[in-house]
PDB file of N, CA and C in Angstrom:
ATOM      1  N   GLN A   1      28.538 136.812 158.974  1.00  0.00           N
ATOM      2  CA  GLN A   1      27.920 136.657 157.678  1.00  0.00           C
ATOM      3  C   GLN A   1      28.694 137.458 156.630  1.00  0.00           C
ATOM      4  N   VAL A   2      28.784 136.918 155.449  1.00  0.00           N
ATOM      5  CA  VAL A   2      29.427 137.583 154.352  1.00  0.00           C
ATOM      6  C   VAL A   2      28.487 137.461 153.123  1.00  0.00           C
ATOM      7  N   GLN A   3      28.168 138.594 152.552  1.00  0.00           N
ATOM      8  CA  GLN A   3      27.383 138.559 151.303  1.00  0.00           C
ATOM      9  C   GLN A   3      28.363 138.785 150.143  1.00  0.00           C
ATOM     10  N   LEU A   4      28.211 137.945 149.101  1.00  0.00           N
ATOM     11  CA  LEU A   4      29.029 138.027 147.930  1.00  0.00           C
ATOM     12  C   LEU A   4      28.148 138.233 146.709  1.00  0.00           C
ATOM     13  N   VAL A   5      28.528 139.161 145.853  1.00  0.00           N
ATOM     14  CA  VAL A   5      27.736 139.401 144.642  1.00  0.00           C
ATOM     15  C   VAL A   5      28.661 139.356 143.443  1.00  0.00           C
ATOM     16  N   GLU A   6      28.391 138.390 142.591  1.00  0.00           N
ATOM     17  CA  GLU A   6      29.209 138.234 141.349  1.00  0.00           C
ATOM     18  C   GLU A   6      28.606 139.048 140.216  1.00  0.00           C
ATOM     19  N   SER A   7      29.431 139.438 139.312  1.00  0.00           N
ATOM     20  CA  SER A   7      28.971 140.097 138.082  1.00  0.00           C
ATOM     21  C   SER A   7      30.016 139.960 136.982  1.00  0.00           C
ATOM     22  N   GLY A   8      29.609 140.277 135.787  1.00  0.00           N
ATOM     23  CA  GLY A   8      30.575 140.244 134.702  1.00  0.00           C
ATOM     24  C   GLY A   8      30.431 139.066 133.727  1.00  0.00           C
ATOM     25  N   GLY A   9      29.542 138.163 133.999  1.00  0.00           N
ATOM     26  CA  GLY A   9      29.331 137.076 133.101  1.00  0.00           C
ATOM     27  C   GLY A   9      28.636 137.508 131.815  1.00  0.00           C
ATOM     28  N   GLY A  10      28.538 136.561 130.884  1.00  0.00           N
ATOM     29  CA  GLY A  10      27.867 136.899 129.629  1.00  0.00           C
ATOM     30  C   GLY A  10      28.214 135.905 128.562  1.00  0.00           C
ATOM     31  N   LEU A  11      27.891 136.264 127.323  1.00  0.00           N
ATOM     32  CA  LEU A  11      28.144 135.469 126.141  1.00  0.00           C
ATOM     33  C   LEU A  11      29.386 136.004 125.434  1.00  0.00           C
ATOM     34  N   VAL A  12      30.291 135.137 125.115  1.00  0.00           N
ATOM     35  CA  VAL A  12      31.528 135.523 124.433  1.00  0.00           C
ATOM     36  C   VAL A  12      31.919 134.425 123.416  1.00  0.00           C
ATOM     37  N   GLN A  13      32.569 134.828 122.379  1.00  0.00           N
ATOM     38  CA  GLN A  13      32.996 133.892 121.351  1.00  0.00           C
ATOM     39  C   GLN A  13      34.269 133.188 121.810  1.00  0.00           C
ATOM     40  N   PRO A  14      34.508 131.983 121.290  1.00  0.00           N
ATOM     41  CA  PRO A  14      35.800 131.314 121.597  1.00  0.00           C
ATOM     42  C   PRO A  14      36.982 132.194 121.286  1.00  0.00           C
ATOM     43  N   GLY A  15      37.927 132.197 122.226  1.00  0.00           N
ATOM     44  CA  GLY A  15      39.105 133.056 122.069  1.00  0.00           C
ATOM     45  C   GLY A  15      38.942 134.422 122.714  1.00  0.00           C
ATOM     46  N   GLY A  16      37.731 134.742 123.135  1.00  0.00           N
ATOM     47  CA  GLY A  16      37.460 136.009 123.736  1.00  0.00           C
ATOM     48  C   GLY A  16      37.807 136.087 125.217  1.00  0.00           C
ATOM     49  N   SER A  17      37.484 137.206 125.856  1.00  0.00           N
ATOM     50  CA  SER A  17      37.848 137.461 127.255  1.00  0.00           C
ATOM     51  C   SER A  17      36.659 138.010 128.023  1.00  0.00           C
ATOM     52  N   LEU A  18      36.672 137.732 129.305  1.00  0.00           N
ATOM     53  CA  LEU A  18      35.702 138.268 130.265  1.00  0.00           C
ATOM     54  C   LEU A  18      36.414 138.483 131.573  1.00  0.00           C
ATOM     55  N   LYS A  19      35.921 139.449 132.350  1.00  0.00           N
ATOM     56  CA  LYS A  19      36.463 139.732 133.687  1.00  0.00           C
ATOM     57  C   LYS A  19      35.266 139.676 134.658  1.00  0.00           C
ATOM     58  N   LEU A  20      35.303 138.722 135.567  1.00  0.00           N
ATOM     59  CA  LEU A  20      34.313 138.548 136.600  1.00  0.00           C
ATOM     60  C   LEU A  20      34.678 139.329 137.834  1.00  0.00           C
ATOM     61  N   SER A  21      33.679 139.806 138.541  1.00  0.00           N
ATOM     62  CA  SER A  21      33.904 140.542 139.817  1.00  0.00           C
ATOM     63  C   SER A  21      33.075 139.890 140.894  1.00  0.00           C
ATOM     64  N   CYS A  22      33.631 139.885 142.106  1.00  0.00           N
ATOM     65  CA  CYS A  22      32.950 139.361 143.291  1.00  0.00           C
ATOM     66  C   CYS A  22      33.083 140.439 144.389  1.00  0.00           C
ATOM     67  N   ALA A  23      32.018 141.143 144.634  1.00  0.00           N
ATOM     68  CA  ALA A  23      32.020 142.177 145.664  1.00  0.00           C
ATOM     69  C   ALA A  23      31.574 141.564 146.979  1.00  0.00           C
ATOM     70  N   ALA A  24      32.398 141.804 148.011  1.00  0.00           N
ATOM     71  CA  ALA A  24      32.081 141.275 149.347  1.00  0.00           C
ATOM     72  C   ALA A  24      31.568 142.357 150.247  1.00  0.00           C
ATOM     73  N   SER A  25      30.736 141.945 151.260  1.00  0.00           N
ATOM     74  CA  SER A  25      30.101 142.890 152.160  1.00  0.00           C
ATOM     75  C   SER A  25      31.057 143.275 153.335  1.00  0.00           C
ATOM     76  N   ARG A  26      32.229 142.663 153.377  1.00  0.00           N
ATOM     77  CA  ARG A  26      33.181 143.035 154.407  1.00  0.00           C
ATOM     78  C   ARG A  26      34.598 142.936 153.809  1.00  0.00           C
ATOM     79  N   SER A  27      35.593 143.318 154.597  1.00  0.00           N
ATOM     80  CA  SER A  27      36.930 143.322 154.106  1.00  0.00           C
ATOM     81  C   SER A  27      37.402 141.965 153.621  1.00  0.00           C
ATOM     82  N   ILE A  28      37.858 141.895 152.393  1.00  0.00           N
ATOM     83  CA  ILE A  28      38.336 140.616 151.851  1.00  0.00           C
ATOM     84  C   ILE A  28      39.687 140.224 152.472  1.00  0.00           C
ATOM     85  N   PHE A  29      40.365 141.178 153.043  1.00  0.00           N
ATOM     86  CA  PHE A  29      41.657 140.842 153.652  1.00  0.00           C
ATOM     87  C   PHE A  29      41.450 140.229 155.048  1.00  0.00           C
ATOM     88  N   SER A  30      40.214 140.209 155.550  1.00  0.00           N
ATOM     89  CA  SER A  30      39.910 139.497 156.789  1.00  0.00           C
ATOM     90  C   SER A  30      39.604 138.048 156.537  1.00  0.00           C
ATOM     91  N   MET A  31      39.526 137.656 155.258  1.00  0.00           N
ATOM     92  CA  MET A  31      39.169 136.307 154.899  1.00  0.00           C
ATOM     93  C   MET A  31      40.448 135.418 154.881  1.00  0.00           C
ATOM     94  N   TYR A  32      40.269 134.164 155.270  1.00  0.00           N
ATOM     95  CA  TYR A  32      41.356 133.200 155.145  1.00  0.00           C
ATOM     96  C   TYR A  32      41.719 132.996 153.688  1.00  0.00           C
ATOM     97  N   GLY A  33      40.684 132.986 152.828  1.00  0.00           N
ATOM     98  CA  GLY A  33      40.907 132.856 151.409  1.00  0.00           C
ATOM     99  C   GLY A  33      39.645 133.150 150.638  1.00  0.00           C
ATOM    100  N   MET A  34      39.797 133.398 149.345  1.00  0.00           N
ATOM    101  CA  MET A  34      38.621 133.618 148.472  1.00  0.00           C
ATOM    102  C   MET A  34      38.933 132.886 147.167  1.00  0.00           C
ATOM    103  N   GLY A  35      37.862 132.383 146.558  1.00  0.00           N
ATOM    104  CA  GLY A  35      38.080 131.599 145.347  1.00  0.00           C
ATOM    105  C   GLY A  35      36.963 131.727 144.361  1.00  0.00           C
ATOM    106  N   TRP A  36      37.222 131.284 143.156  1.00  0.00           N
ATOM    107  CA  TRP A  36      36.265 131.148 142.080  1.00  0.00           C
ATOM    108  C   TRP A  36      36.088 129.664 141.776  1.00  0.00           C
ATOM    109  N   PHE A  37      34.824 129.281 141.659  1.00  0.00           N
ATOM    110  CA  PHE A  37      34.489 127.920 141.277  1.00  0.00           C
ATOM    111  C   PHE A  37      33.570 127.999 140.078  1.00  0.00           C
ATOM    112  N   ARG A  38      33.364 126.860 139.424  1.00  0.00           N
ATOM    113  CA  ARG A  38      32.416 126.838 138.323  1.00  0.00           C
ATOM    114  C   ARG A  38      31.688 125.491 138.299  1.00  0.00           C
ATOM    115  N   GLN A  39      30.485 125.524 137.673  1.00  0.00           N
ATOM    116  CA  GLN A  39      29.719 124.331 137.602  1.00  0.00           C
ATOM    117  C   GLN A  39      28.959 124.340 136.293  1.00  0.00           C
ATOM    118  N   ALA A  40      29.253 123.352 135.441  1.00  0.00           N
ATOM    119  CA  ALA A  40      28.539 123.185 134.197  1.00  0.00           C
ATOM    120  C   ALA A  40      27.414 122.207 134.412  1.00  0.00           C
ATOM    121  N   PRO A  41      26.407 122.220 133.592  1.00  0.00           N
ATOM    122  CA  PRO A  41      25.239 121.281 133.728  1.00  0.00           C
ATOM    123  C   PRO A  41      25.699 119.859 133.814  1.00  0.00           C
ATOM    124  N   GLY A  42      25.201 119.133 134.831  1.00  0.00           N
ATOM    125  CA  GLY A  42      25.483 117.704 134.969  1.00  0.00           C
ATOM    126  C   GLY A  42      26.825 117.409 135.538  1.00  0.00           C
ATOM    127  N   THR A  43      27.552 118.404 135.983  1.00  0.00           N
ATOM    128  CA  THR A  43      28.905 118.201 136.580  1.00  0.00           C
ATOM    129  C   THR A  43      28.939 118.734 137.977  1.00  0.00           C
ATOM    130  N   GLN A  44      30.020 118.359 138.676  1.00  0.00           N
ATOM    131  CA  GLN A  44      30.197 118.872 140.041  1.00  0.00           C
ATOM    132  C   GLN A  44      30.899 120.241 139.959  1.00  0.00           C
ATOM    133  N   ARG A  45      30.666 121.003 141.010  1.00  0.00           N
ATOM    134  CA  ARG A  45      31.316 122.316 141.122  1.00  0.00           C
ATOM    135  C   ARG A  45      32.807 122.074 141.329  1.00  0.00           C
ATOM    136  N   GLU A  46      33.636 122.855 140.607  1.00  0.00           N
ATOM    137  CA  GLU A  46      35.030 122.644 140.703  1.00  0.00           C
ATOM    138  C   GLU A  46      35.800 123.956 140.889  1.00  0.00           C
ATOM    139  N   LEU A  47      36.926 123.896 141.507  1.00  0.00           N
ATOM    140  CA  LEU A  47      37.766 125.025 141.767  1.00  0.00           C
ATOM    141  C   LEU A  47      38.358 125.555 140.460  1.00  0.00           C
ATOM    142  N   VAL A  48      38.309 126.861 140.291  1.00  0.00           N
ATOM    143  CA  VAL A  48      38.987 127.507 139.142  1.00  0.00           C
ATOM    144  C   VAL A  48      40.253 128.199 139.610  1.00  0.00           C
ATOM    145  N   ALA A  49      40.116 129.043 140.648  1.00  0.00           N
ATOM    146  CA  ALA A  49      41.261 129.768 141.174  1.00  0.00           C
ATOM    147  C   ALA A  49      40.996 130.187 142.592  1.00  0.00           C
ATOM    148  N   ARG A  50      42.056 130.362 143.354  1.00  0.00           N
ATOM    149  CA  ARG A  50      41.889 130.754 144.769  1.00  0.00           C
ATOM    150  C   ARG A  50      43.037 131.714 145.092  1.00  0.00           C
ATOM    151  N   ILE A  51      42.759 132.660 146.007  1.00  0.00           N
ATOM    152  CA  ILE A  51      43.804 133.543 146.533  1.00  0.00           C
ATOM    153  C   ILE A  51      43.695 133.518 148.029  1.00  0.00           C
ATOM    154  N   SER A  52      44.829 133.305 148.685  1.00  0.00           N
ATOM    155  CA  SER A  52      44.845 133.248 150.159  1.00  0.00           C
ATOM    156  C   SER A  52      44.961 134.651 150.742  1.00  0.00           C
ATOM    157  N   SER A  53      44.861 134.705 152.055  1.00  0.00           N
ATOM    158  CA  SER A  53      44.923 136.000 152.718  1.00  0.00           C
ATOM    159  C   SER A  53      46.327 136.649 152.532  1.00  0.00           C
ATOM    160  N   SER A  54      47.316 135.800 152.301  1.00  0.00           N
ATOM    161  CA  SER A  54      48.684 136.301 152.103  1.00  0.00           C
ATOM    162  C   SER A  54      48.979 136.564 150.650  1.00  0.00           C
ATOM    163  N   GLY A  55      48.011 136.279 149.754  1.00  0.00           N
ATOM    164  CA  GLY A  55      48.205 136.564 148.316  1.00  0.00           C
ATOM    165  C   GLY A  55      48.692 135.389 147.495  1.00  0.00           C
ATOM    166  N   VAL A  56      48.759 134.240 148.091  1.00  0.00           N
ATOM    167  CA  VAL A  56      49.169 133.055 147.284  1.00  0.00           C
ATOM    168  C   VAL A  56      48.004 132.629 146.397  1.00  0.00           C
ATOM    169  N   ARG A  57      48.338 132.469 145.126  1.00  0.00           N
ATOM    170  CA  ARG A  57      47.334 132.136 144.141  1.00  0.00           C
ATOM    171  C   ARG A  57      47.472 130.641 143.738  1.00  0.00           C
ATOM    172  N   THR A  58      46.315 130.012 143.584  1.00  0.00           N
ATOM    173  CA  THR A  58      46.263 128.611 143.146  1.00  0.00           C
ATOM    174  C   THR A  58      45.301 128.520 141.999  1.00  0.00           C
ATOM    175  N   TYR A  59      45.700 127.780 140.958  1.00  0.00           N
ATOM    176  CA  TYR A  59      44.836 127.607 139.785  1.00  0.00           C
ATOM    177  C   TYR A  59      44.621 126.145 139.454  1.00  0.00           C
ATOM    178  N   ALA A  60      43.438 125.860 138.892  1.00  0.00           N
ATOM    179  CA  ALA A  60      43.173 124.540 138.367  1.00  0.00           C
ATOM    180  C   ALA A  60      44.049 124.287 137.143  1.00  0.00           C
ATOM    181  N   THR A  61      44.353 123.045 136.860  1.00  0.00           N
ATOM    182  CA  THR A  61      45.258 122.775 135.761  1.00  0.00           C
ATOM    183  C   THR A  61      44.625 123.132 134.447  1.00  0.00           C
ATOM    184  N   PHE A  62      43.308 123.088 134.316  1.00  0.00           N
ATOM    185  CA  PHE A  62      42.687 123.429 133.052  1.00  0.00           C
ATOM    186  C   PHE A  62      42.777 124.909 132.724  1.00  0.00           C
ATOM    187  N   VAL A  63      43.130 125.734 133.701  1.00  0.00           N
ATOM    188  CA  VAL A  63      43.288 127.165 133.415  1.00  0.00           C
ATOM    189  C   VAL A  63      44.445 127.401 132.415  1.00  0.00           C
ATOM    190  N   LYS A  64      45.501 126.673 132.575  1.00  0.00           N
ATOM    191  CA  LYS A  64      46.623 126.703 131.595  1.00  0.00           C
ATOM    192  C   LYS A  64      47.136 128.095 131.319  1.00  0.00           C
ATOM    193  N   GLY A  65      47.207 128.938 132.342  1.00  0.00           N
ATOM    194  CA  GLY A  65      47.778 130.287 132.185  1.00  0.00           C
ATOM    195  C   GLY A  65      46.805 131.287 131.546  1.00  0.00           C
ATOM    196  N   ARG A  66      45.568 130.890 131.326  1.00  0.00           N
ATOM    197  CA  ARG A  66      44.594 131.757 130.655  1.00  0.00           C
ATOM    198  C   ARG A  66      43.867 132.677 131.623  1.00  0.00           C
ATOM    199  N   PHE A  67      43.707 132.308 132.887  1.00  0.00           N
ATOM    200  CA  PHE A  67      42.960 133.089 133.845  1.00  0.00           C
ATOM    201  C   PHE A  67      43.876 133.685 134.900  1.00  0.00           C
ATOM    202  N   ALA A  68      43.409 134.762 135.498  1.00  0.00           N
ATOM    203  CA  ALA A  68      44.167 135.376 136.608  1.00  0.00           C
ATOM    204  C   ALA A  68      43.201 135.885 137.684  1.00  0.00           C
ATOM    205  N   ILE A  69      43.491 135.513 138.935  1.00  0.00           N
ATOM    206  CA  ILE A  69      42.697 136.001 140.034  1.00  0.00           C
ATOM    207  C   ILE A  69      43.443 137.168 140.701  1.00  0.00           C
ATOM    208  N   SER A  70      42.712 138.193 141.068  1.00  0.00           N
ATOM    209  CA  SER A  70      43.268 139.349 141.696  1.00  0.00           C
ATOM    210  C   SER A  70      42.271 139.903 142.689  1.00  0.00           C
ATOM    211  N   ARG A  71      42.677 140.919 143.445  1.00  0.00           N
ATOM    212  CA  ARG A  71      41.812 141.542 144.443  1.00  0.00           C
ATOM    213  C   ARG A  71      42.105 143.016 144.592  1.00  0.00           C
ATOM    214  N   ASP A  72      41.108 143.726 145.038  1.00  0.00           N
ATOM    215  CA  ASP A  72      41.224 145.163 145.255  1.00  0.00           C
ATOM    216  C   ASP A  72      40.747 145.433 146.688  1.00  0.00           C
ATOM    217  N   ARG A  73      41.667 145.799 147.590  1.00  0.00           N
ATOM    218  CA  ARG A  73      41.346 146.052 148.968  1.00  0.00           C
ATOM    219  C   ARG A  73      40.348 147.173 149.100  1.00  0.00           C
ATOM    220  N   THR A  74      40.515 148.214 148.338  1.00  0.00           N
ATOM    221  CA  THR A  74      39.683 149.393 148.502  1.00  0.00           C
ATOM    222  C   THR A  74      38.264 149.147 148.087  1.00  0.00           C
ATOM    223  N   LYS A  75      38.011 148.186 147.236  1.00  0.00           N
ATOM    224  CA  LYS A  75      36.690 147.872 146.761  1.00  0.00           C
ATOM    225  C   LYS A  75      36.126 146.585 147.347  1.00  0.00           C
ATOM    226  N   ASN A  76      36.899 145.911 148.216  1.00  0.00           N
ATOM    227  CA  ASN A  76      36.493 144.604 148.764  1.00  0.00           C
ATOM    228  C   ASN A  76      36.011 143.691 147.642  1.00  0.00           C
ATOM    229  N   THR A  77      36.732 143.623 146.574  1.00  0.00           N
ATOM    230  CA  THR A  77      36.365 142.883 145.425  1.00  0.00           C
ATOM    231  C   THR A  77      37.470 141.962 144.927  1.00  0.00           C
ATOM    232  N   VAL A  78      37.095 140.767 144.546  1.00  0.00           N
ATOM    233  CA  VAL A  78      37.986 139.804 143.951  1.00  0.00           C
ATOM    234  C   VAL A  78      37.586 139.650 142.479  1.00  0.00           C
ATOM    235  N   TYR A  79      38.575 139.533 141.642  1.00  0.00           N
ATOM    236  CA  TYR A  79      38.331 139.418 140.191  1.00  0.00           C
ATOM    237  C   TYR A  79      38.848 138.126 139.640  1.00  0.00           C
ATOM    238  N   LEU A  80      38.234 137.731 138.528  1.00  0.00           N
ATOM    239  CA  LEU A  80      38.761 136.619 137.757  1.00  0.00           C
ATOM    240  C   LEU A  80      38.802 137.089 136.290  1.00  0.00           C
ATOM    241  N   GLU A  81      39.997 137.313 135.800  1.00  0.00           N
ATOM    242  CA  GLU A  81      40.196 137.730 134.425  1.00  0.00           C
ATOM    243  C   GLU A  81      40.391 136.436 133.610  1.00  0.00           C
ATOM    244  N   MET A  82      39.538 136.274 132.590  1.00  0.00           N
ATOM    245  CA  MET A  82      39.612 135.059 131.768  1.00  0.00           C
ATOM    246  C   MET A  82      39.912 135.425 130.340  1.00  0.00           C
ATOM    247  N   ASN A  83      40.957 134.866 129.813  1.00  0.00           N
ATOM    248  CA  ASN A  83      41.355 135.084 128.423  1.00  0.00           C
ATOM    249  C   ASN A  83      41.347 133.788 127.643  1.00  0.00           C
ATOM    250  N   ARG A  84      41.391 133.889 126.277  1.00  0.00           N
ATOM    251  CA  ARG A  84      41.421 132.738 125.417  1.00  0.00           C
ATOM    252  C   ARG A  84      40.351 131.723 125.896  1.00  0.00           C
ATOM    253  N   LEU A  85      39.158 132.188 126.024  1.00  0.00           N
ATOM    254  CA  LEU A  85      38.072 131.326 126.510  1.00  0.00           C
ATOM    255  C   LEU A  85      37.771 130.250 125.490  1.00  0.00           C
ATOM    256  N   GLU A  86      37.368 129.100 126.003  1.00  0.00           N
ATOM    257  CA  GLU A  86      37.057 127.929 125.229  1.00  0.00           C
ATOM    258  C   GLU A  86      35.586 127.529 125.499  1.00  0.00           C
ATOM    259  N   VAL A  87      35.015 126.820 124.562  1.00  0.00           N
ATOM    260  CA  VAL A  87      33.619 126.377 124.745  1.00  0.00           C
ATOM    261  C   VAL A  87      33.471 125.621 126.042  1.00  0.00           C
ATOM    262  N   GLU A  88      34.509 124.846 126.394  1.00  0.00           N
ATOM    263  CA  GLU A  88      34.489 124.064 127.652  1.00  0.00           C
ATOM    264  C   GLU A  88      34.468 124.901 128.895  1.00  0.00           C
ATOM    265  N   ASP A  89      34.691 126.189 128.789  1.00  0.00           N
ATOM    266  CA  ASP A  89      34.665 127.072 129.951  1.00  0.00           C
ATOM    267  C   ASP A  89      33.236 127.523 130.294  1.00  0.00           C
ATOM    268  N   THR A  90      32.273 127.142 129.447  1.00  0.00           N
ATOM    269  CA  THR A  90      30.899 127.498 129.708  1.00  0.00           C
ATOM    270  C   THR A  90      30.395 126.875 131.020  1.00  0.00           C
ATOM    271  N   ALA A  91      29.877 127.709 131.919  1.00  0.00           N
ATOM    272  CA  ALA A  91      29.466 127.263 133.251  1.00  0.00           C
ATOM    273  C   ALA A  91      28.904 128.424 134.022  1.00  0.00           C
ATOM    274  N   VAL A  92      28.300 128.104 135.147  1.00  0.00           N
ATOM    275  CA  VAL A  92      27.997 129.157 136.128  1.00  0.00           C
ATOM    276  C   VAL A  92      29.220 129.288 137.025  1.00  0.00           C
ATOM    277  N   TYR A  93      29.669 130.525 137.173  1.00  0.00           N
ATOM    278  CA  TYR A  93      30.879 130.795 137.972  1.00  0.00           C
ATOM    279  C   TYR A  93      30.447 131.382 139.314  1.00  0.00           C
ATOM    280  N   TYR A  94      30.987 130.783 140.428  1.00  0.00           N
ATOM    281  CA  TYR A  94      30.642 131.191 141.754  1.00  0.00           C
ATOM    282  C   TYR A  94      31.844 131.723 142.524  1.00  0.00           C
ATOM    283  N   CYS A  95      31.605 132.693 143.331  1.00  0.00           N
ATOM    284  CA  CYS A  95      32.617 133.195 144.242  1.00  0.00           C
ATOM    285  C   CYS A  95      32.410 132.613 145.627  1.00  0.00           C
ATOM    286  N   LYS A  96      33.484 132.248 146.297  1.00  0.00           N
ATOM    287  CA  LYS A  96      33.426 131.686 147.660  1.00  0.00           C
ATOM    288  C   LYS A  96      34.411 132.405 148.533  1.00  0.00           C
ATOM    289  N   SER A  97      33.952 132.645 149.793  1.00  0.00           N
ATOM    290  CA  SER A  97      34.875 133.216 150.782  1.00  0.00           C
ATOM    291  C   SER A  97      34.978 132.192 151.941  1.00  0.00           C
ATOM    292  N   GLU A  98      36.188 132.124 152.494  1.00  0.00           N
ATOM    293  CA  GLU A  98      36.510 131.249 153.606  1.00  0.00           C
ATOM    294  C   GLU A  98      36.857 132.172 154.796  1.00  0.00           C
ATOM    295  N   LEU A  99      35.991 132.182 155.804  1.00  0.00           N
ATOM    296  CA  LEU A  99      36.252 133.116 156.900  1.00  0.00           C
ATOM    297  C   LEU A  99      37.478 132.719 157.700  1.00  0.00           C
ATOM    298  N   THR A 100      37.616 131.436 157.960  1.00  0.00           N
ATOM    299  CA  THR A 100      38.807 130.879 158.644  1.00  0.00           C
ATOM    300  C   THR A 100      39.174 129.589 157.967  1.00  0.00           C
ATOM    301  N   SER A 101      40.281 128.966 158.438  1.00  0.00           N
ATOM    302  CA  SER A 101      40.735 127.724 157.846  1.00  0.00           C
ATOM    303  C   SER A 101      39.733 126.597 158.121  1.00  0.00           C
ATOM    304  N   SER A 102      38.850 126.761 159.115  1.00  0.00           N
ATOM    305  CA  SER A 102      37.882 125.724 159.446  1.00  0.00           C
ATOM    306  C   SER A 102      36.444 126.206 159.198  1.00  0.00           C
ATOM    307  N   GLY A 103      36.284 127.222 158.378  1.00  0.00           N
ATOM    308  CA  GLY A 103      34.946 127.722 158.041  1.00  0.00           C
ATOM    309  C   GLY A 103      34.598 128.931 158.901  1.00  0.00           C
ATOM    310  N   PRO A 104      33.385 129.424 158.681  1.00  0.00           N
ATOM    311  CA  PRO A 104      32.417 129.004 157.685  1.00  0.00           C
ATOM    312  C   PRO A 104      32.762 129.497 156.282  1.00  0.00           C
ATOM    313  N   GLU A 105      32.061 128.997 155.311  1.00  0.00           N
ATOM    314  CA  GLU A 105      32.239 129.391 153.928  1.00  0.00           C
ATOM    315  C   GLU A 105      30.941 130.083 153.464  1.00  0.00           C
ATOM    316  N   TYR A 106      31.137 131.027 152.572  1.00  0.00           N
ATOM    317  CA  TYR A 106      29.972 131.708 151.989  1.00  0.00           C
ATOM    318  C   TYR A 106      30.111 131.711 150.510  1.00  0.00           C
ATOM    319  N   TRP A 107      28.931 131.633 149.828  1.00  0.00           N
ATOM    320  CA  TRP A 107      28.900 131.566 148.387  1.00  0.00           C
ATOM    321  C   TRP A 107      28.070 132.706 147.801  1.00  0.00           C
ATOM    322  N   GLY A 108      28.464 133.156 146.607  1.00  0.00           N
ATOM    323  CA  GLY A 108      27.641 134.075 145.897  1.00  0.00           C
ATOM    324  C   GLY A 108      26.568 133.318 145.095  1.00  0.00           C
ATOM    325  N   GLN A 109      25.742 134.082 144.359  1.00  0.00           N
ATOM    326  CA  GLN A 109      24.610 133.505 143.628  1.00  0.00           C
ATOM    327  C   GLN A 109      25.055 132.941 142.296  1.00  0.00           C
ATOM    328  N   GLY A 110      26.204 133.297 141.842  1.00  0.00           N
ATOM    329  CA  GLY A 110      26.732 132.788 140.567  1.00  0.00           C
ATOM    330  C   GLY A 110      26.456 133.710 139.382  1.00  0.00           C
ATOM    331  N   THR A 111      27.329 133.630 138.403  1.00  0.00           N
ATOM    332  CA  THR A 111      27.116 134.377 137.151  1.00  0.00           C
ATOM    333  C   THR A 111      27.397 133.471 135.999  1.00  0.00           C
ATOM    334  N   GLN A 112      26.511 133.528 134.990  1.00  0.00           N
ATOM    335  CA  GLN A 112      26.622 132.605 133.866  1.00  0.00           C
ATOM    336  C   GLN A 112      27.675 133.088 132.852  1.00  0.00           C
ATOM    337  N   VAL A 113      28.548 132.186 132.459  1.00  0.00           N
ATOM    338  CA  VAL A 113      29.492 132.448 131.379  1.00  0.00           C
ATOM    339  C   VAL A 113      29.226 131.439 130.268  1.00  0.00           C
ATOM    340  N   THR A 114      28.945 131.962 129.089  1.00  0.00           N
ATOM    341  CA  THR A 114      28.670 131.130 127.930  1.00  0.00           C
ATOM    342  C   THR A 114      29.658 131.437 126.851  1.00  0.00           C
ATOM    343  N   VAL A 115      30.402 130.408 126.389  1.00  0.00           N
ATOM    344  CA  VAL A 115      31.384 130.617 125.318  1.00  0.00           C
ATOM    345  C   VAL A 115      30.824 129.868 124.110  1.00  0.00           C
ATOM    346  N   SER A 116      30.480 130.624 123.071  1.00  0.00           N
ATOM    347  CA  SER A 116      29.857 130.012 121.904  1.00  0.00           C
ATOM    348  C   SER A 116      30.021 130.914 120.710  1.00  0.00           C
ATOM    349  N   SER A 117      30.137 130.281 119.550  1.00  0.00           N
ATOM    350  CA  SER A 117      30.232 131.020 118.314  1.00  0.00           C
ATOM    351  C   SER A 117      28.848 131.205 117.695  1.00  0.00           C
TER     352      SER A 117
END
């Protein structure tokens, strides 16, 4: 079992920045991969960014160089730094951990990000 707790969401104006955190209950370096997903009302949950156990980073095309995923071994925490936020980035952001290449997967409870003027 892995517990994930997200934090850092909130209300921000277009063009602003936020940094999300995902604290894991066990070593993140024991995970096959960890990622950030988001889900806006009426849409499917979609991948935002992922980091593999070896540190390979993958981003959705809509990120367009605005977001960066990182991790801190000492804090068992994965981050998503989001810059130049757009109204379309408004969603609930979820953290996911992949224990192995074939599962299981664990999800956090989500944190709301609202981009509005």
